[in-house]
Amino acid sequence: MTLGHKYDQKLTKCIGASFFYEKDGWYSIEWCFIEFDWEHDLEMEEMLKNNFPFRKVNPKIINRYETF
């Protein structure tokens, strides 16, 4: 999923997270950080064309700190 999102958004790096409920109130959390230049990938494009699991993304810039 992380690789697919990174490719779809043409990013150079991406972080993915998975949360799994185990039992007795415990959860497993897995992180995935990937960083490499975006390159055209026919296999990934075909996978995303046949099964697109993501919602539409509307990017916007949010300033880190409020200026007065």
PDB file of N, CA and C in Angstrom:
ATOM      1  N   MET A   1       0.827  -1.187   0.000  1.00  0.00           N
ATOM      2  CA  MET A   1       0.000   0.000   0.000  1.00  0.00           C
ATOM      3  C   MET A   1       0.875   1.256   0.000  1.00  0.00           C
ATOM      4  N   THR A   2       1.925   1.246   0.781  1.00  0.00           N
ATOM      5  CA  THR A   2       2.802   2.417   0.852  1.00  0.00           C
ATOM      6  C   THR A   2       3.474   2.668  -0.495  1.00  0.00           C
ATOM      7  N   LEU A   3       3.951   1.609  -1.127  1.00  0.00           N
ATOM      8  CA  LEU A   3       4.578   1.759  -2.440  1.00  0.00           C
ATOM      9  C   LEU A   3       3.569   2.262  -3.473  1.00  0.00           C
ATOM     10  N   GLY A   4       2.352   1.753  -3.427  1.00  0.00           N
ATOM     11  CA  GLY A   4       1.318   2.190  -4.356  1.00  0.00           C
ATOM     12  C   GLY A   4       0.976   3.657  -4.177  1.00  0.00           C
ATOM     13  N   HIS A   5       0.838   4.098  -2.921  1.00  0.00           N
ATOM     14  CA  HIS A   5       0.534   5.509  -2.651  1.00  0.00           C
ATOM     15  C   HIS A   5       1.683   6.407  -3.096  1.00  0.00           C
ATOM     16  N   LYS A   6       2.914   6.002  -2.786  1.00  0.00           N
ATOM     17  CA  LYS A   6       4.094   6.773  -3.181  1.00  0.00           C
ATOM     18  C   LYS A   6       4.130   6.931  -4.694  1.00  0.00           C
ATOM     19  N   TYR A   7       3.850   5.847  -5.407  1.00  0.00           N
ATOM     20  CA  TYR A   7       3.879   5.902  -6.864  1.00  0.00           C
ATOM     21  C   TYR A   7       2.749   6.784  -7.396  1.00  0.00           C
ATOM     22  N   ASP A   8       1.533   6.589  -6.904  1.00  0.00           N
ATOM     23  CA  ASP A   8       0.374   7.342  -7.387  1.00  0.00           C
ATOM     24  C   ASP A   8       0.550   8.846  -7.201  1.00  0.00           C
ATOM     25  N   GLN A   9       1.122   9.256  -6.093  1.00  0.00           N
ATOM     26  CA  GLN A   9       1.297  10.676  -5.792  1.00  0.00           C
ATOM     27  C   GLN A   9       2.632  11.240  -6.284  1.00  0.00           C
ATOM     28  N   LYS A  10       3.440  10.391  -6.907  1.00  0.00           N
ATOM     29  CA  LYS A  10       4.755  10.795  -7.450  1.00  0.00           C
ATOM     30  C   LYS A  10       5.630  11.431  -6.372  1.00  0.00           C
ATOM     31  N   LEU A  11       5.716  10.739  -5.236  1.00  0.00           N
ATOM     32  CA  LEU A  11       6.497  11.223  -4.090  1.00  0.00           C
ATOM     33  C   LEU A  11       7.905  10.645  -4.118  1.00  0.00           C
ATOM     34  N   THR A  12       8.834  11.304  -3.411  1.00  0.00           N
ATOM     35  CA  THR A  12      10.183  10.765  -3.266  1.00  0.00           C
ATOM     36  C   THR A  12      10.321   9.974  -1.972  1.00  0.00           C
ATOM     37  N   LYS A  13       9.410  10.214  -1.016  1.00  0.00           N
ATOM     38  CA  LYS A  13       9.417   9.435   0.227  1.00  0.00           C
ATOM     39  C   LYS A  13       7.992   9.323   0.753  1.00  0.00           C
ATOM     40  N   CYS A  14       7.765   8.286   1.542  1.00  0.00           N
ATOM     41  CA  CYS A  14       6.407   8.015   2.030  1.00  0.00           C
ATOM     42  C   CYS A  14       6.488   7.185   3.304  1.00  0.00           C
ATOM     43  N   ILE A  15       5.533   7.402   4.198  1.00  0.00           N
ATOM     44  CA  ILE A  15       5.432   6.623   5.435  1.00  0.00           C
ATOM     45  C   ILE A  15       4.081   5.924   5.439  1.00  0.00           C
ATOM     46  N   GLY A  16       4.095   4.636   5.712  1.00  0.00           N
ATOM     47  CA  GLY A  16       2.861   3.866   5.839  1.00  0.00           C
ATOM     48  C   GLY A  16       2.774   3.299   7.244  1.00  0.00           C
ATOM     49  N   ALA A  17       1.557   3.098   7.732  1.00  0.00           N
ATOM     50  CA  ALA A  17       1.352   2.525   9.064  1.00  0.00           C
ATOM     51  C   ALA A  17       0.193   1.547   9.013  1.00  0.00           C
ATOM     52  N   SER A  18       0.335   0.436   9.723  1.00  0.00           N
ATOM     53  CA  SER A  18      -0.726  -0.562   9.837  1.00  0.00           C
ATOM     54  C   SER A  18      -1.003  -0.796  11.314  1.00  0.00           C
ATOM     55  N   PHE A  19      -2.280  -0.892  11.651  1.00  0.00           N
ATOM     56  CA  PHE A  19      -2.687  -1.124  13.028  1.00  0.00           C
ATOM     57  C   PHE A  19      -3.527  -2.400  13.069  1.00  0.00           C
ATOM     58  N   PHE A  20      -3.142  -3.347  13.898  1.00  0.00           N
ATOM     59  CA  PHE A  20      -3.848  -4.614  14.012  1.00  0.00           C
ATOM     60  C   PHE A  20      -4.265  -4.850  15.453  1.00  0.00           C
ATOM     61  N   TYR A  21      -5.536  -5.164  15.644  1.00  0.00           N
ATOM     62  CA  TYR A  21      -6.000  -5.537  16.984  1.00  0.00           C
ATOM     63  C   TYR A  21      -5.594  -6.980  17.215  1.00  0.00           C
ATOM     64  N   GLU A  22      -4.877  -7.228  18.280  1.00  0.00           N
ATOM     65  CA  GLU A  22      -4.430  -8.586  18.598  1.00  0.00           C
ATOM     66  C   GLU A  22      -5.457  -9.279  19.488  1.00  0.00           C
ATOM     67  N   LYS A  23      -5.386  -9.026  20.776  1.00  0.00           N
ATOM     68  CA  LYS A  23      -6.358  -9.586  21.715  1.00  0.00           C
ATOM     69  C   LYS A  23      -6.158  -8.921  23.064  1.00  0.00           C
ATOM     70  N   ASP A  24      -7.145  -9.004  23.888  1.00  0.00           N
ATOM     71  CA  ASP A  24      -7.084  -8.460  25.251  1.00  0.00           C
ATOM     72  C   ASP A  24      -6.702  -6.979  25.266  1.00  0.00           C
ATOM     73  N   GLY A  25      -7.135  -6.230  24.252  1.00  0.00           N
ATOM     74  CA  GLY A  25      -6.870  -4.790  24.230  1.00  0.00           C
ATOM     75  C   GLY A  25      -5.510  -4.398  23.682  1.00  0.00           C
ATOM     76  N   TRP A  26      -4.739  -5.338  23.144  1.00  0.00           N
ATOM     77  CA  TRP A  26      -3.416  -5.033  22.600  1.00  0.00           C
ATOM     78  C   TRP A  26      -3.496  -4.835  21.091  1.00  0.00           C
ATOM     79  N   TYR A  27      -2.665  -3.940  20.599  1.00  0.00           N
ATOM     80  CA  TYR A  27      -2.593  -3.660  19.168  1.00  0.00           C
ATOM     81  C   TYR A  27      -1.154  -3.817  18.696  1.00  0.00           C
ATOM     82  N   SER A  28      -1.000  -4.242  17.459  1.00  0.00           N
ATOM     83  CA  SER A  28       0.313  -4.256  16.810  1.00  0.00           C
ATOM     84  C   SER A  28       0.335  -3.104  15.817  1.00  0.00           C
ATOM     85  N   ILE A  29       1.421  -2.352  15.822  1.00  0.00           N
ATOM     86  CA  ILE A  29       1.586  -1.224  14.907  1.00  0.00           C
ATOM     87  C   ILE A  29       2.859  -1.458  14.101  1.00  0.00           C
ATOM     88  N   GLU A  30       2.726  -1.442  12.797  1.00  0.00           N
ATOM     89  CA  GLU A  30       3.864  -1.633  11.900  1.00  0.00           C
ATOM     90  C   GLU A  30       4.054  -0.366  11.086  1.00  0.00           C
ATOM     91  N   TRP A  31       5.307   0.077  10.960  1.00  0.00           N
ATOM     92  CA  TRP A  31       5.633   1.288  10.202  1.00  0.00           C
ATOM     93  C   TRP A  31       6.459   0.903   8.986  1.00  0.00           C
ATOM     94  N   CYS A  32       6.300   1.659   7.921  1.00  0.00           N
ATOM     95  CA  CYS A  32       7.082   1.439   6.704  1.00  0.00           C
ATOM     96  C   CYS A  32       7.512   2.802   6.165  1.00  0.00           C
ATOM     97  N   PHE A  33       8.807   3.072   6.158  1.00  0.00           N
ATOM     98  CA  PHE A  33       9.340   4.308   5.590  1.00  0.00           C
ATOM     99  C   PHE A  33      10.121   3.936   4.344  1.00  0.00           C
ATOM    100  N   ILE A  34       9.789   4.572   3.219  1.00  0.00           N
ATOM    101  CA  ILE A  34      10.531   4.341   1.983  1.00  0.00           C
ATOM    102  C   ILE A  34      10.937   5.682   1.395  1.00  0.00           C
ATOM    103  N   GLU A  35      12.140   5.714   0.840  1.00  0.00           N
ATOM    104  CA  GLU A  35      12.659   6.943   0.240  1.00  0.00           C
ATOM    105  C   GLU A  35      13.537   6.592  -0.951  1.00  0.00           C
ATOM    106  N   PHE A  36      13.081   6.963  -2.127  1.00  0.00           N
ATOM    107  CA  PHE A  36      13.858   6.855  -3.349  1.00  0.00           C
ATOM    108  C   PHE A  36      13.153   7.685  -4.412  1.00  0.00           C
ATOM    109  N   ASP A  37      13.886   8.066  -5.455  1.00  0.00           N
ATOM    110  CA  ASP A  37      13.322   8.904  -6.512  1.00  0.00           C
ATOM    111  C   ASP A  37      12.161   8.197  -7.202  1.00  0.00           C
ATOM    112  N   TRP A  38      11.162   8.984  -7.616  1.00  0.00           N
ATOM    113  CA  TRP A  38      10.026   8.439  -8.343  1.00  0.00           C
ATOM    114  C   TRP A  38      10.471   8.115  -9.762  1.00  0.00           C
ATOM    115  N   GLU A  39      10.112   6.937 -10.228  1.00  0.00           N
ATOM    116  CA  GLU A  39      10.397   6.530 -11.599  1.00  0.00           C
ATOM    117  C   GLU A  39       9.169   5.865 -12.182  1.00  0.00           C
ATOM    118  N   HIS A  40       8.962   6.019 -13.475  1.00  0.00           N
ATOM    119  CA  HIS A  40       7.839   5.381 -14.152  1.00  0.00           C
ATOM    120  C   HIS A  40       7.968   3.861 -14.018  1.00  0.00           C
ATOM    121  N   ASP A  41       6.880   3.190 -13.654  1.00  0.00           N
ATOM    122  CA  ASP A  41       6.883   1.750 -13.423  1.00  0.00           C
ATOM    123  C   ASP A  41       5.625   1.158 -14.063  1.00  0.00           C
ATOM    124  N   LEU A  42       5.797   0.471 -15.179  1.00  0.00           N
ATOM    125  CA  LEU A  42       4.654  -0.086 -15.904  1.00  0.00           C
ATOM    126  C   LEU A  42       3.880  -1.104 -15.071  1.00  0.00           C
ATOM    127  N   GLU A  43       4.593  -1.923 -14.311  1.00  0.00           N
ATOM    128  CA  GLU A  43       3.931  -2.943 -13.486  1.00  0.00           C
ATOM    129  C   GLU A  43       3.058  -2.299 -12.407  1.00  0.00           C
ATOM    130  N   MET A  44       3.576  -1.271 -11.736  1.00  0.00           N
ATOM    131  CA  MET A  44       2.801  -0.578 -10.693  1.00  0.00           C
ATOM    132  C   MET A  44       1.604   0.133 -11.323  1.00  0.00           C
ATOM    133  N   GLU A  45       1.795   0.755 -12.475  1.00  0.00           N
ATOM    134  CA  GLU A  45       0.675   1.419 -13.144  1.00  0.00           C
ATOM    135  C   GLU A  45      -0.431   0.436 -13.495  1.00  0.00           C
ATOM    136  N   GLU A  46      -0.056  -0.732 -13.966  1.00  0.00           N
ATOM    137  CA  GLU A  46      -1.048  -1.754 -14.319  1.00  0.00           C
ATOM    138  C   GLU A  46      -1.800  -2.225 -13.075  1.00  0.00           C
ATOM    139  N   MET A  47      -1.082  -2.426 -11.969  1.00  0.00           N
ATOM    140  CA  MET A  47      -1.735  -2.841 -10.723  1.00  0.00           C
ATOM    141  C   MET A  47      -2.721  -1.787 -10.245  1.00  0.00           C
ATOM    142  N   LEU A  48      -2.323  -0.512 -10.275  1.00  0.00           N
ATOM    143  CA  LEU A  48      -3.204   0.557  -9.816  1.00  0.00           C
ATOM    144  C   LEU A  48      -4.376   0.783 -10.771  1.00  0.00           C
ATOM    145  N   LYS A  49      -4.162   0.530 -12.058  1.00  0.00           N
ATOM    146  CA  LYS A  49      -5.238   0.687 -13.025  1.00  0.00           C
ATOM    147  C   LYS A  49      -6.311  -0.379 -12.813  1.00  0.00           C
ATOM    148  N   ASN A  50      -5.902  -1.596 -12.494  1.00  0.00           N
ATOM    149  CA  ASN A  50      -6.833  -2.711 -12.305  1.00  0.00           C
ATOM    150  C   ASN A  50      -7.490  -2.726 -10.932  1.00  0.00           C
ATOM    151  N   ASN A  51      -6.825  -2.170  -9.934  1.00  0.00           N
ATOM    152  CA  ASN A  51      -7.359  -2.176  -8.573  1.00  0.00           C
ATOM    153  C   ASN A  51      -6.818  -0.949  -7.840  1.00  0.00           C
ATOM    154  N   PHE A  52      -7.589   0.136  -7.825  1.00  0.00           N
ATOM    155  CA  PHE A  52      -7.143   1.387  -7.197  1.00  0.00           C
ATOM    156  C   PHE A  52      -7.753   1.477  -5.799  1.00  0.00           C
ATOM    157  N   PRO A  53      -6.974   1.179  -4.744  1.00  0.00           N
ATOM    158  CA  PRO A  53      -7.535   1.104  -3.385  1.00  0.00           C
ATOM    159  C   PRO A  53      -7.574   2.434  -2.622  1.00  0.00           C
ATOM    160  N   PHE A  54      -7.193   3.537  -3.261  1.00  0.00           N
ATOM    161  CA  PHE A  54      -7.063   4.803  -2.554  1.00  0.00           C
ATOM    162  C   PHE A  54      -8.218   5.747  -2.844  1.00  0.00           C
ATOM    163  N   ARG A  55      -8.402   6.710  -1.953  1.00  0.00           N
ATOM    164  CA  ARG A  55      -9.342   7.787  -2.191  1.00  0.00           C
ATOM    165  C   ARG A  55      -8.646   8.894  -2.969  1.00  0.00           C
ATOM    166  N   LYS A  56      -9.442   9.780  -3.562  1.00  0.00           N
ATOM    167  CA  LYS A  56      -8.867  10.917  -4.268  1.00  0.00           C
ATOM    168  C   LYS A  56      -8.178  11.840  -3.256  1.00  0.00           C
ATOM    169  N   VAL A  57      -7.006  12.341  -3.615  1.00  0.00           N
ATOM    170  CA  VAL A  57      -6.238  13.211  -2.738  1.00  0.00           C
ATOM    171  C   VAL A  57      -6.356  14.645  -3.236  1.00  0.00           C
ATOM    172  N   ASN A  58      -6.646  15.561  -2.326  1.00  0.00           N
ATOM    173  CA  ASN A  58      -6.698  16.988  -2.639  1.00  0.00           C
ATOM    174  C   ASN A  58      -5.584  17.681  -1.854  1.00  0.00           C
ATOM    175  N   PRO A  59      -4.415  17.847  -2.471  1.00  0.00           N
ATOM    176  CA  PRO A  59      -3.294  18.446  -1.733  1.00  0.00           C
ATOM    177  C   PRO A  59      -3.517  19.920  -1.442  1.00  0.00           C
ATOM    178  N   LYS A  60      -3.018  20.346  -0.283  1.00  0.00           N
ATOM    179  CA  LYS A  60      -3.023  21.765   0.049  1.00  0.00           C
ATOM    180  C   LYS A  60      -1.871  22.029   1.008  1.00  0.00           C
ATOM    181  N   ILE A  61      -1.401  23.254   1.023  1.00  0.00           N
ATOM    182  CA  ILE A  61      -0.288  23.642   1.879  1.00  0.00           C
ATOM    183  C   ILE A  61      -0.842  24.190   3.186  1.00  0.00           C
ATOM    184  N   ILE A  62      -0.331  23.657   4.283  1.00  0.00           N
ATOM    185  CA  ILE A  62      -0.708  24.133   5.609  1.00  0.00           C
ATOM    186  C   ILE A  62       0.556  24.667   6.262  1.00  0.00           C
ATOM    187  N   ASN A  63       0.536  25.942   6.653  1.00  0.00           N
ATOM    188  CA  ASN A  63       1.703  26.530   7.302  1.00  0.00           C
ATOM    189  C   ASN A  63       1.951  25.860   8.640  1.00  0.00           C
ATOM    190  N   ARG A  64       3.203  25.658   8.934  1.00  0.00           N
ATOM    191  CA  ARG A  64       3.581  24.968  10.156  1.00  0.00           C
ATOM    192  C   ARG A  64       3.256  25.789  11.396  1.00  0.00           C
ATOM    193  N   TYR A  65       3.528  27.072  11.348  1.00  0.00           N
ATOM    194  CA  TYR A  65       3.292  27.960  12.487  1.00  0.00           C
ATOM    195  C   TYR A  65       2.405  29.115  12.049  1.00  0.00           C
ATOM    196  N   GLU A  66       1.546  29.532  12.929  1.00  0.00           N
ATOM    197  CA  GLU A  66       0.705  30.675  12.639  1.00  0.00           C
ATOM    198  C   GLU A  66       1.528  31.945  12.779  1.00  0.00           C
ATOM    199  N   THR A  67       1.412  32.836  11.815  1.00  0.00           N
ATOM    200  CA  THR A  67       2.148  34.101  11.889  1.00  0.00           C
ATOM    201  C   THR A  67       1.208  35.201  12.364  1.00  0.00           C
ATOM    202  N   PHE A  68       1.744  36.102  13.167  1.00  0.00           N
ATOM    203  CA  PHE A  68       0.941  37.196  13.712  1.00  0.00           C
ATOM    204  C   PHE A  68       1.361  38.498  13.113  1.00  0.00           C
TER     205      PHE A  68
END
